[in-house]
C-alpha cells in the first residue's frame, strides 16, 4: 500500500502503537504479519547463558527472542498509517518499555493463555502510564481455549478494556486488533481522556 494519500485535502495521520506482552506471546509474529513493509526484527538465538533468565515453560520450542524491538508499518484507509513498535517480553528488557511507549497512541498486549501471568507486568506498566490498550489473546494451537470474558476476569481488567481473540500469524486478525485499539483511543479522546503516554 502507498503511504501517501491521493487527496491533498485529506490530512494523512501517522500513529505510534506499542505491541507488548510476555516472552513468547507472539509479538514479533504479530508485527511481521500485519506490516506492509519488511519488518525490522532484533531477534537473537536463545543461548545456554540465558537459560536461568528465560522461562521456557509452555514455549519449549522457542529458539529466538527479541532483544531490542520489532518495527513495522500498516496503512489503514487512505489517511492513516500505524507504526508498530514491538517490545521485548523478558523482564531484563523492561527498561526499554518507557522509551518505546513514549508518544504512543495506545498499545496491544498480546496474551498467551498458557502463560497468562506474563501479562500482568505489561498491563500494570500501561495502566500506570495511562496508555489505552487492548488485550489480544493469541489463540495458539493446542492451548486450552478461553473466552474473552474469562481472560478479562483472570487479568482483573477494567470493564472498558477490550479483550479480543486473535491469531498473530494472520494479517486480517491482526488488523482487526489494531482497528479495535484505534477506535478505543478515538473514543477516549472524544470523551476528553488521554490517549498518549
N, C-alpha and C. Protein backbone atom coordinates (compact mmCIF):
# COMPACT_ATOMS: atom_id res chain seq x y z
N UNK A 1 0.84 -1.18 0.00
CA UNK A 1 0.00 0.00 0.00
C UNK A 1 0.88 1.24 0.00
N UNK A 2 0.41 2.25 -0.63
CA UNK A 2 1.14 3.50 -0.68
C UNK A 2 0.79 4.31 0.56
N UNK A 3 1.81 4.85 1.22
CA UNK A 3 1.55 5.61 2.44
C UNK A 3 1.18 7.06 2.16
N UNK A 4 1.20 7.48 0.92
CA UNK A 4 0.81 8.85 0.58
C UNK A 4 -0.65 8.88 0.17
N UNK A 5 -1.36 9.86 0.64
CA UNK A 5 -2.77 10.00 0.31
C UNK A 5 -2.94 10.56 -1.09
N UNK A 6 -4.00 10.14 -1.77
CA UNK A 6 -4.23 10.62 -3.13
C UNK A 6 -4.99 11.94 -3.14
N UNK A 7 -5.63 12.29 -2.05
CA UNK A 7 -6.39 13.53 -1.96
C UNK A 7 -5.63 14.51 -1.06
N UNK A 8 -5.05 15.58 -1.65
CA UNK A 8 -4.26 16.52 -0.83
C UNK A 8 -5.09 17.23 0.24
N UNK A 9 -6.43 17.24 0.10
CA UNK A 9 -7.28 17.91 1.09
C UNK A 9 -7.46 17.04 2.34
N UNK A 10 -7.19 15.74 2.21
CA UNK A 10 -7.33 14.83 3.34
C UNK A 10 -6.00 14.73 4.07
N UNK A 11 -5.96 15.13 5.34
CA UNK A 11 -4.70 15.04 6.07
C UNK A 11 -4.32 13.57 6.31
N UNK A 12 -3.03 13.29 6.21
CA UNK A 12 -2.53 11.94 6.45
C UNK A 12 -2.00 11.88 7.87
N UNK A 13 -2.45 10.91 8.64
CA UNK A 13 -2.11 10.80 10.04
C UNK A 13 -1.26 9.56 10.28
N UNK A 14 -0.15 9.73 11.00
CA UNK A 14 0.72 8.61 11.39
C UNK A 14 0.65 8.47 12.90
N UNK A 15 0.38 7.24 13.36
CA UNK A 15 0.25 6.98 14.79
C UNK A 15 1.19 5.88 15.24
N UNK A 16 1.71 6.02 16.43
CA UNK A 16 2.61 5.03 17.01
C UNK A 16 1.82 4.09 17.91
N UNK A 17 2.05 2.78 17.72
CA UNK A 17 1.39 1.75 18.53
C UNK A 17 2.47 0.87 19.16
N UNK A 18 2.34 0.62 20.45
CA UNK A 18 3.23 -0.29 21.15
C UNK A 18 2.61 -1.68 21.15
N UNK A 19 3.42 -2.69 20.88
CA UNK A 19 2.98 -4.09 20.97
C UNK A 19 3.78 -4.72 22.11
N UNK A 20 3.08 -5.07 23.19
CA UNK A 20 3.74 -5.59 24.39
C UNK A 20 3.18 -6.96 24.72
N UNK A 21 3.72 -7.55 25.75
CA UNK A 21 3.26 -8.87 26.19
C UNK A 21 4.42 -9.67 26.73
N UNK A 22 4.11 -10.85 27.19
CA UNK A 22 5.12 -11.70 27.78
C UNK A 22 6.03 -12.36 26.76
N UNK A 23 7.05 -12.98 27.27
CA UNK A 23 8.02 -13.73 26.48
C UNK A 23 7.30 -14.86 25.74
N UNK A 24 7.46 -14.89 24.42
CA UNK A 24 6.89 -15.96 23.61
C UNK A 24 5.41 -15.82 23.29
N UNK A 25 4.82 -14.66 23.55
CA UNK A 25 3.38 -14.48 23.31
C UNK A 25 3.04 -14.27 21.83
N UNK A 26 4.04 -13.96 20.99
CA UNK A 26 3.78 -13.79 19.57
C UNK A 26 3.89 -12.37 19.06
N UNK A 27 4.59 -11.51 19.80
CA UNK A 27 4.70 -10.10 19.41
C UNK A 27 5.42 -9.92 18.08
N UNK A 28 6.55 -10.60 17.90
CA UNK A 28 7.31 -10.50 16.66
C UNK A 28 6.48 -11.02 15.49
N UNK A 29 5.77 -12.11 15.70
CA UNK A 29 4.91 -12.68 14.67
C UNK A 29 3.80 -11.72 14.32
N UNK A 30 3.19 -11.10 15.33
CA UNK A 30 2.10 -10.14 15.12
C UNK A 30 2.57 -8.98 14.26
N UNK A 31 3.68 -8.35 14.66
CA UNK A 31 4.21 -7.21 13.90
C UNK A 31 4.53 -7.63 12.47
N UNK A 32 5.16 -8.78 12.30
CA UNK A 32 5.52 -9.25 10.97
C UNK A 32 4.34 -9.57 10.09
N UNK A 33 3.27 -10.09 10.68
CA UNK A 33 2.12 -10.49 9.86
C UNK A 33 1.31 -9.31 9.36
N UNK A 34 1.25 -8.22 10.13
CA UNK A 34 0.45 -7.08 9.69
C UNK A 34 1.26 -6.03 8.94
N UNK A 35 2.56 -6.04 9.07
CA UNK A 35 3.39 -4.99 8.47
C UNK A 35 3.39 -5.10 6.95
N UNK A 36 3.19 -3.94 6.30
CA UNK A 36 3.23 -3.90 4.83
C UNK A 36 4.65 -3.70 4.33
N UNK A 37 5.56 -3.39 5.23
CA UNK A 37 6.98 -3.30 4.88
C UNK A 37 7.69 -4.49 5.51
N UNK A 38 8.87 -4.76 5.05
CA UNK A 38 9.65 -5.82 5.70
C UNK A 38 9.96 -5.35 7.11
N UNK A 39 9.48 -6.10 8.13
CA UNK A 39 9.68 -5.62 9.50
C UNK A 39 11.13 -5.68 9.93
N UNK A 40 11.48 -4.76 10.79
CA UNK A 40 12.79 -4.78 11.45
C UNK A 40 12.65 -5.64 12.69
N UNK A 41 13.47 -6.64 12.80
CA UNK A 41 13.46 -7.51 13.98
C UNK A 41 14.85 -7.51 14.60
N UNK A 42 14.89 -7.57 15.91
CA UNK A 42 16.17 -7.71 16.62
C UNK A 42 16.16 -9.04 17.36
N UNK A 43 15.91 -10.09 16.61
CA UNK A 43 15.86 -11.44 17.17
C UNK A 43 17.26 -12.01 17.32
N UNK A 44 17.51 -12.64 18.43
CA UNK A 44 18.76 -13.34 18.67
C UNK A 44 18.44 -14.75 19.16
N UNK A 45 19.36 -15.65 18.92
CA UNK A 45 19.19 -17.04 19.33
C UNK A 45 19.30 -17.14 20.84
N UNK A 46 18.37 -17.89 21.44
CA UNK A 46 18.46 -18.17 22.87
C UNK A 46 19.70 -19.02 23.13
N UNK A 47 20.42 -18.69 24.16
CA UNK A 47 21.66 -19.42 24.47
C UNK A 47 21.58 -20.06 25.84
N UNK A 48 22.52 -20.90 26.10
CA UNK A 48 22.61 -21.56 27.40
C UNK A 48 22.82 -20.53 28.52
N UNK A 49 23.51 -19.44 28.20
CA UNK A 49 23.78 -18.40 29.19
C UNK A 49 22.50 -17.75 29.71
N UNK A 50 21.46 -17.69 28.88
CA UNK A 50 20.20 -17.07 29.29
C UNK A 50 19.19 -18.03 29.88
N UNK A 51 19.55 -19.31 29.95
CA UNK A 51 18.59 -20.32 30.40
C UNK A 51 18.01 -20.00 31.78
N UNK A 52 18.82 -19.46 32.69
CA UNK A 52 18.33 -19.14 34.03
C UNK A 52 17.33 -17.99 34.01
N UNK A 53 17.43 -17.10 33.01
CA UNK A 53 16.54 -15.94 32.93
C UNK A 53 15.31 -16.18 32.06
N UNK A 54 15.41 -17.07 31.09
CA UNK A 54 14.34 -17.27 30.13
C UNK A 54 13.51 -18.50 30.50
N UNK A 55 12.34 -18.27 31.04
CA UNK A 55 11.43 -19.34 31.43
C UNK A 55 10.75 -19.88 30.18
N UNK A 56 11.11 -21.08 29.78
CA UNK A 56 10.56 -21.70 28.57
C UNK A 56 9.34 -22.58 28.85
N UNK A 57 8.80 -22.51 30.06
CA UNK A 57 7.61 -23.28 30.39
C UNK A 57 6.47 -22.88 29.46
N UNK A 58 5.97 -23.84 28.70
CA UNK A 58 4.88 -23.57 27.76
C UNK A 58 5.34 -23.14 26.38
N UNK A 59 6.62 -22.78 26.24
CA UNK A 59 7.16 -22.36 24.93
C UNK A 59 8.51 -23.03 24.68
N UNK A 60 8.58 -24.32 24.98
CA UNK A 60 9.83 -25.06 24.91
C UNK A 60 10.46 -25.06 23.52
N UNK A 61 9.65 -24.90 22.47
CA UNK A 61 10.18 -24.91 21.10
C UNK A 61 10.76 -23.56 20.68
N UNK A 62 10.63 -22.54 21.52
CA UNK A 62 11.12 -21.20 21.17
C UNK A 62 12.64 -21.21 21.09
N UNK A 63 13.18 -20.68 20.01
CA UNK A 63 14.63 -20.70 19.79
C UNK A 63 15.25 -19.31 19.72
N UNK A 64 14.43 -18.27 19.51
CA UNK A 64 14.95 -16.90 19.41
C UNK A 64 14.15 -15.98 20.31
N UNK A 65 14.69 -14.79 20.55
CA UNK A 65 14.00 -13.80 21.36
C UNK A 65 14.34 -12.40 20.87
N UNK A 66 13.42 -11.48 21.06
CA UNK A 66 13.65 -10.07 20.72
C UNK A 66 14.50 -9.45 21.81
N UNK A 67 15.55 -8.73 21.41
CA UNK A 67 16.44 -8.12 22.40
C UNK A 67 16.39 -6.60 22.41
N UNK A 68 15.68 -5.99 21.49
CA UNK A 68 15.53 -4.53 21.50
C UNK A 68 14.11 -4.16 21.10
N UNK A 69 13.74 -4.40 19.86
CA UNK A 69 12.40 -4.07 19.40
C UNK A 69 12.12 -4.72 18.07
N UNK A 70 10.84 -4.74 17.72
CA UNK A 70 10.38 -5.07 16.37
C UNK A 70 9.74 -3.80 15.84
N UNK A 71 9.81 -3.60 14.53
CA UNK A 71 9.21 -2.40 13.94
C UNK A 71 8.52 -2.77 12.63
N UNK A 72 7.31 -2.26 12.46
CA UNK A 72 6.58 -2.47 11.23
C UNK A 72 5.62 -1.32 10.98
N UNK A 73 5.01 -1.32 9.80
CA UNK A 73 4.06 -0.26 9.43
C UNK A 73 2.89 -0.89 8.70
N UNK A 74 1.69 -0.36 8.97
CA UNK A 74 0.50 -0.76 8.25
C UNK A 74 -0.32 0.49 7.95
N UNK A 75 -0.82 0.57 6.73
CA UNK A 75 -1.69 1.67 6.34
C UNK A 75 -3.13 1.19 6.45
N UNK A 76 -3.94 1.96 7.14
CA UNK A 76 -5.37 1.65 7.30
C UNK A 76 -6.15 2.79 6.66
N UNK A 77 -6.79 2.51 5.54
CA UNK A 77 -7.52 3.54 4.81
C UNK A 77 -6.57 4.44 4.06
N UNK A 78 -7.11 5.52 3.53
CA UNK A 78 -6.32 6.45 2.72
C UNK A 78 -5.60 7.51 3.54
N UNK A 79 -5.92 7.58 4.83
CA UNK A 79 -5.41 8.71 5.60
C UNK A 79 -4.77 8.33 6.93
N UNK A 80 -4.49 7.02 7.14
CA UNK A 80 -3.97 6.61 8.44
C UNK A 80 -2.91 5.53 8.29
N UNK A 81 -1.75 5.76 8.90
CA UNK A 81 -0.70 4.75 8.97
C UNK A 81 -0.35 4.51 10.43
N UNK A 82 -0.17 3.25 10.78
CA UNK A 82 0.23 2.88 12.13
C UNK A 82 1.65 2.38 12.09
N UNK A 83 2.48 2.90 12.98
CA UNK A 83 3.86 2.46 13.13
C UNK A 83 3.91 1.60 14.39
N UNK A 84 4.27 0.34 14.21
CA UNK A 84 4.23 -0.64 15.29
C UNK A 84 5.61 -0.84 15.89
N UNK A 85 5.68 -0.74 17.20
CA UNK A 85 6.92 -0.95 17.95
C UNK A 85 6.70 -2.10 18.92
N UNK A 86 7.29 -3.26 18.60
CA UNK A 86 7.16 -4.43 19.46
C UNK A 86 8.22 -4.42 20.54
N UNK A 87 7.79 -4.56 21.78
CA UNK A 87 8.70 -4.53 22.93
C UNK A 87 9.14 -5.94 23.29
N UNK A 88 10.36 -6.10 23.76
CA UNK A 88 10.79 -7.42 24.24
C UNK A 88 10.01 -7.82 25.48
N UNK A 89 9.82 -9.11 25.67
CA UNK A 89 8.97 -9.58 26.76
C UNK A 89 9.66 -9.89 28.07
N UNK A 90 10.95 -10.23 28.06
CA UNK A 90 11.59 -10.61 29.32
C UNK A 90 11.81 -9.41 30.22
N UNK A 91 11.73 -9.66 31.51
CA UNK A 91 11.86 -8.56 32.47
C UNK A 91 13.21 -7.87 32.42
N UNK A 92 14.25 -8.53 31.96
CA UNK A 92 15.56 -7.87 31.88
C UNK A 92 15.59 -6.78 30.81
N UNK A 93 14.58 -6.74 29.94
CA UNK A 93 14.50 -5.70 28.91
C UNK A 93 13.42 -4.65 29.21
N UNK A 94 12.81 -4.70 30.38
CA UNK A 94 11.73 -3.78 30.70
C UNK A 94 12.18 -2.32 30.69
N UNK A 95 13.48 -2.08 30.88
CA UNK A 95 13.96 -0.70 30.86
C UNK A 95 13.69 -0.03 29.51
N UNK A 96 13.46 -0.80 28.46
CA UNK A 96 13.16 -0.24 27.13
C UNK A 96 11.71 0.20 26.98
N UNK A 97 10.83 -0.31 27.83
CA UNK A 97 9.40 -0.07 27.64
C UNK A 97 9.03 1.40 27.67
N UNK A 98 9.61 2.18 28.59
CA UNK A 98 9.27 3.60 28.67
C UNK A 98 9.62 4.32 27.38
N UNK A 99 10.79 4.02 26.84
CA UNK A 99 11.21 4.66 25.59
C UNK A 99 10.31 4.26 24.43
N UNK A 100 9.98 2.98 24.36
CA UNK A 100 9.14 2.50 23.26
C UNK A 100 7.71 3.04 23.38
N UNK A 101 7.24 3.26 24.59
CA UNK A 101 5.87 3.76 24.79
C UNK A 101 5.76 5.27 24.59
N UNK A 102 6.88 5.97 24.64
CA UNK A 102 6.86 7.43 24.52
C UNK A 102 6.18 7.86 23.22
N UNK A 103 5.12 8.66 23.34
CA UNK A 103 4.42 9.19 22.18
C UNK A 103 3.44 8.24 21.52
N UNK A 104 3.22 7.07 22.12
CA UNK A 104 2.30 6.09 21.53
C UNK A 104 0.85 6.49 21.76
N UNK A 105 0.01 6.20 20.78
CA UNK A 105 -1.43 6.42 20.90
C UNK A 105 -2.04 5.38 21.84
N UNK A 106 -1.50 4.18 21.79
CA UNK A 106 -2.02 3.09 22.59
C UNK A 106 -1.17 1.86 22.41
N UNK A 107 -1.63 0.76 22.99
CA UNK A 107 -0.84 -0.47 22.95
C UNK A 107 -1.73 -1.69 22.76
N UNK A 108 -1.13 -2.71 22.20
CA UNK A 108 -1.71 -4.05 22.14
C UNK A 108 -0.90 -4.90 23.11
N UNK A 109 -1.58 -5.56 24.04
CA UNK A 109 -0.92 -6.51 24.92
C UNK A 109 -1.27 -7.89 24.39
N UNK A 110 -0.29 -8.57 23.83
CA UNK A 110 -0.51 -9.91 23.30
C UNK A 110 -0.44 -10.90 24.46
N UNK A 111 -1.46 -11.73 24.57
CA UNK A 111 -1.56 -12.67 25.69
C UNK A 111 -1.53 -14.10 25.19
N UNK A 112 -0.83 -14.93 25.93
CA UNK A 112 -0.78 -16.37 25.69
C UNK A 112 -1.43 -17.01 26.91
N UNK A 113 -2.56 -17.70 26.73
CA UNK A 113 -3.27 -18.24 27.89
C UNK A 113 -2.49 -19.34 28.60
N UNK A 114 -1.46 -19.89 27.97
CA UNK A 114 -0.60 -20.87 28.64
C UNK A 114 0.30 -20.20 29.66
N UNK A 115 0.49 -18.86 29.50
CA UNK A 115 1.40 -18.10 30.38
C UNK A 115 0.77 -16.74 30.68
N UNK A 116 -0.49 -16.76 31.09
CA UNK A 116 -1.23 -15.51 31.28
C UNK A 116 -0.60 -14.60 32.33
N UNK A 117 0.10 -15.18 33.29
CA UNK A 117 0.76 -14.37 34.33
C UNK A 117 1.75 -13.37 33.74
N UNK A 118 2.27 -13.67 32.54
CA UNK A 118 3.24 -12.78 31.89
C UNK A 118 2.61 -11.47 31.43
N UNK A 119 1.28 -11.39 31.45
CA UNK A 119 0.60 -10.15 31.02
C UNK A 119 0.52 -9.11 32.13
N UNK A 120 0.67 -9.52 33.37
CA UNK A 120 0.47 -8.58 34.47
C UNK A 120 1.45 -7.41 34.43
N UNK A 121 2.72 -7.66 34.19
CA UNK A 121 3.70 -6.56 34.17
C UNK A 121 3.42 -5.56 33.05
N UNK A 122 3.19 -5.99 31.80
CA UNK A 122 2.88 -5.00 30.75
C UNK A 122 1.59 -4.24 31.03
N UNK A 123 0.58 -4.93 31.54
CA UNK A 123 -0.69 -4.25 31.84
C UNK A 123 -0.50 -3.23 32.94
N UNK A 124 0.20 -3.60 34.00
CA UNK A 124 0.48 -2.65 35.10
C UNK A 124 1.23 -1.43 34.57
N UNK A 125 2.22 -1.68 33.73
CA UNK A 125 3.02 -0.59 33.16
C UNK A 125 2.14 0.37 32.35
N UNK A 126 1.28 -0.17 31.51
CA UNK A 126 0.42 0.67 30.67
C UNK A 126 -0.62 1.41 31.50
N UNK A 127 -1.17 0.75 32.51
CA UNK A 127 -2.14 1.42 33.37
C UNK A 127 -1.49 2.58 34.12
N UNK A 128 -0.26 2.39 34.62
CA UNK A 128 0.44 3.48 35.32
C UNK A 128 0.69 4.66 34.39
N UNK A 129 0.98 4.38 33.13
CA UNK A 129 1.23 5.44 32.16
C UNK A 129 -0.06 6.09 31.67
N UNK A 130 -1.20 5.46 31.90
CA UNK A 130 -2.47 5.97 31.39
C UNK A 130 -2.62 5.75 29.89
N UNK A 131 -1.92 4.76 29.36
CA UNK A 131 -1.95 4.49 27.92
C UNK A 131 -3.07 3.50 27.62
N UNK A 132 -3.99 3.86 26.71
CA UNK A 132 -5.06 2.91 26.37
C UNK A 132 -4.49 1.66 25.72
N UNK A 133 -5.11 0.51 26.01
CA UNK A 133 -4.62 -0.73 25.43
C UNK A 133 -5.75 -1.72 25.25
N UNK A 134 -5.53 -2.65 24.35
CA UNK A 134 -6.41 -3.80 24.18
C UNK A 134 -5.58 -5.04 24.49
N UNK A 135 -6.23 -6.06 25.00
CA UNK A 135 -5.58 -7.34 25.21
C UNK A 135 -6.00 -8.24 24.06
N UNK A 136 -5.00 -8.73 23.32
CA UNK A 136 -5.25 -9.61 22.19
C UNK A 136 -4.78 -11.01 22.58
N UNK A 137 -5.71 -11.92 22.76
CA UNK A 137 -5.38 -13.28 23.15
C UNK A 137 -4.97 -14.05 21.91
N UNK A 138 -3.70 -14.41 21.85
CA UNK A 138 -3.16 -15.16 20.72
C UNK A 138 -3.58 -16.62 20.90
N UNK A 139 -4.44 -17.09 20.02
CA UNK A 139 -5.02 -18.43 20.14
C UNK A 139 -4.07 -19.48 19.56
N UNK A 140 -3.16 -19.96 20.39
CA UNK A 140 -2.18 -20.95 19.98
C UNK A 140 -2.85 -22.31 19.79
N UNK A 141 -2.42 -23.03 18.77
CA UNK A 141 -2.93 -24.38 18.52
C UNK A 141 -2.56 -25.27 19.71
N UNK A 142 -3.54 -26.01 20.20
CA UNK A 142 -3.28 -26.94 21.29
C UNK A 142 -3.43 -26.33 22.68
N UNK A 143 -3.53 -25.00 22.77
CA UNK A 143 -3.72 -24.37 24.08
C UNK A 143 -5.20 -24.42 24.45
N UNK A 144 -5.49 -24.52 25.72
CA UNK A 144 -6.88 -24.50 26.16
C UNK A 144 -7.52 -23.18 25.76
N UNK A 145 -8.75 -23.27 25.25
CA UNK A 145 -9.43 -22.06 24.81
C UNK A 145 -10.22 -21.43 25.95
N UNK A 146 -10.13 -20.11 26.01
CA UNK A 146 -10.89 -19.33 26.99
C UNK A 146 -11.64 -18.25 26.24
N UNK A 147 -12.75 -17.81 26.81
CA UNK A 147 -13.49 -16.71 26.21
C UNK A 147 -12.81 -15.39 26.57
N UNK A 148 -13.12 -14.35 25.82
CA UNK A 148 -12.59 -13.02 26.13
C UNK A 148 -13.00 -12.61 27.54
N UNK A 149 -14.21 -12.93 27.93
CA UNK A 149 -14.69 -12.58 29.27
C UNK A 149 -13.89 -13.29 30.36
N UNK A 150 -13.56 -14.57 30.14
CA UNK A 150 -12.77 -15.32 31.12
C UNK A 150 -11.36 -14.72 31.26
N UNK A 151 -10.76 -14.33 30.14
CA UNK A 151 -9.43 -13.73 30.18
C UNK A 151 -9.48 -12.38 30.90
N UNK A 152 -10.49 -11.58 30.60
CA UNK A 152 -10.64 -10.27 31.27
C UNK A 152 -10.76 -10.45 32.77
N UNK A 153 -11.53 -11.45 33.20
CA UNK A 153 -11.69 -11.70 34.64
C UNK A 153 -10.37 -12.17 35.26
N UNK A 154 -9.66 -13.06 34.58
CA UNK A 154 -8.39 -13.57 35.11
C UNK A 154 -7.36 -12.47 35.24
N UNK A 155 -7.39 -11.49 34.34
CA UNK A 155 -6.44 -10.38 34.39
C UNK A 155 -6.96 -9.19 35.21
N UNK A 156 -8.19 -9.30 35.73
CA UNK A 156 -8.81 -8.25 36.53
C UNK A 156 -8.79 -6.91 35.80
N UNK A 157 -9.22 -6.95 34.52
CA UNK A 157 -9.20 -5.75 33.69
C UNK A 157 -10.39 -4.84 33.97
N UNK A 158 -10.19 -3.57 33.76
CA UNK A 158 -11.27 -2.60 33.78
C UNK A 158 -12.28 -3.01 32.71
N UNK A 159 -13.56 -2.85 33.00
CA UNK A 159 -14.61 -3.28 32.07
C UNK A 159 -14.51 -2.60 30.71
N UNK A 160 -13.85 -1.45 30.64
CA UNK A 160 -13.73 -0.73 29.36
C UNK A 160 -12.55 -1.20 28.52
N UNK A 161 -11.73 -2.09 29.06
CA UNK A 161 -10.57 -2.59 28.31
C UNK A 161 -11.00 -3.74 27.42
N UNK A 162 -10.90 -3.56 26.09
CA UNK A 162 -11.31 -4.63 25.18
C UNK A 162 -10.37 -5.84 25.25
N UNK A 163 -10.95 -7.02 25.17
CA UNK A 163 -10.21 -8.26 25.03
C UNK A 163 -10.72 -8.91 23.75
N UNK A 164 -9.79 -9.19 22.85
CA UNK A 164 -10.16 -9.79 21.57
C UNK A 164 -9.33 -11.06 21.36
N UNK A 165 -9.93 -12.03 20.70
CA UNK A 165 -9.22 -13.25 20.35
C UNK A 165 -8.61 -13.05 18.98
N UNK A 166 -7.37 -13.52 18.80
CA UNK A 166 -6.71 -13.30 17.51
C UNK A 166 -5.77 -14.44 17.18
N UNK A 167 -5.28 -14.43 15.97
CA UNK A 167 -4.22 -15.32 15.52
C UNK A 167 -3.12 -14.41 15.02
N UNK A 168 -2.03 -14.32 15.77
CA UNK A 168 -0.95 -13.37 15.45
C UNK A 168 -0.33 -13.65 14.09
N UNK A 169 -0.54 -14.82 13.53
CA UNK A 169 0.03 -15.17 12.22
C UNK A 169 -0.77 -14.63 11.06
N UNK A 170 -2.03 -14.23 11.34
CA UNK A 170 -2.95 -13.83 10.28
C UNK A 170 -3.07 -12.32 10.19
N UNK A 171 -2.77 -11.78 9.02
CA UNK A 171 -2.84 -10.33 8.80
C UNK A 171 -4.22 -9.75 9.12
N UNK A 172 -5.26 -10.40 8.64
CA UNK A 172 -6.62 -9.90 8.86
C UNK A 172 -6.95 -9.84 10.35
N UNK A 173 -6.56 -10.87 11.09
CA UNK A 173 -6.81 -10.92 12.51
C UNK A 173 -6.06 -9.79 13.23
N UNK A 174 -4.79 -9.60 12.88
CA UNK A 174 -4.01 -8.51 13.48
C UNK A 174 -4.57 -7.15 13.15
N UNK A 175 -5.03 -7.00 11.93
CA UNK A 175 -5.62 -5.72 11.51
C UNK A 175 -6.87 -5.39 12.34
N UNK A 176 -7.68 -6.41 12.63
CA UNK A 176 -8.87 -6.19 13.45
C UNK A 176 -8.49 -5.76 14.87
N UNK A 177 -7.42 -6.34 15.41
CA UNK A 177 -6.94 -5.93 16.73
C UNK A 177 -6.54 -4.46 16.71
N UNK A 178 -5.81 -4.05 15.68
CA UNK A 178 -5.35 -2.66 15.58
C UNK A 178 -6.52 -1.69 15.40
N UNK A 179 -7.51 -2.08 14.63
CA UNK A 179 -8.70 -1.23 14.46
C UNK A 179 -9.41 -1.07 15.79
N UNK A 180 -9.52 -2.15 16.56
CA UNK A 180 -10.15 -2.06 17.89
C UNK A 180 -9.40 -1.07 18.77
N UNK A 181 -8.06 -1.10 18.73
CA UNK A 181 -7.26 -0.17 19.53
C UNK A 181 -7.46 1.27 19.08
N UNK A 182 -7.42 1.53 17.78
CA UNK A 182 -7.59 2.90 17.27
C UNK A 182 -8.98 3.42 17.65
N UNK A 183 -10.00 2.58 17.55
CA UNK A 183 -11.36 3.00 17.94
C UNK A 183 -11.42 3.32 19.43
N UNK A 184 -10.78 2.49 20.26
CA UNK A 184 -10.75 2.75 21.71
C UNK A 184 -10.08 4.08 22.00
N UNK A 185 -8.91 4.32 21.41
CA UNK A 185 -8.20 5.58 21.64
C UNK A 185 -9.03 6.76 21.15
N UNK A 186 -9.68 6.61 20.01
CA UNK A 186 -10.54 7.68 19.49
C UNK A 186 -11.69 7.98 20.43
N UNK A 187 -12.30 6.94 20.98
CA UNK A 187 -13.39 7.11 21.94
C UNK A 187 -12.92 7.85 23.19
N UNK A 188 -11.73 7.48 23.67
CA UNK A 188 -11.19 8.14 24.87
C UNK A 188 -10.87 9.60 24.59
N UNK A 189 -10.31 9.88 23.43
CA UNK A 189 -10.02 11.28 23.07
C UNK A 189 -11.31 12.07 22.93
N UNK A 190 -12.33 11.45 22.33
CA UNK A 190 -13.61 12.13 22.17
C UNK A 190 -14.30 12.41 23.49
N UNK A 191 -13.99 11.57 24.49
CA UNK A 191 -14.58 11.75 25.82
C UNK A 191 -13.74 12.65 26.70
N UNK A 192 -12.67 13.21 26.13
CA UNK A 192 -11.82 14.12 26.90
C UNK A 192 -10.73 13.43 27.67
N UNK A 193 -10.52 12.12 27.42
CA UNK A 193 -9.46 11.39 28.11
C UNK A 193 -8.13 11.59 27.41
N UNK A 194 -7.11 10.92 27.92
CA UNK A 194 -5.80 10.98 27.28
C UNK A 194 -5.58 9.71 26.49
N UNK A 195 -4.85 9.84 25.40
CA UNK A 195 -4.55 8.67 24.58
C UNK A 195 -3.09 8.64 24.19
N UNK A 196 -2.25 9.41 24.86
CA UNK A 196 -0.83 9.34 24.59
C UNK A 196 -0.07 9.28 25.90
N UNK A 197 1.06 8.62 25.84
CA UNK A 197 1.87 8.47 27.06
C UNK A 197 2.76 9.67 27.25
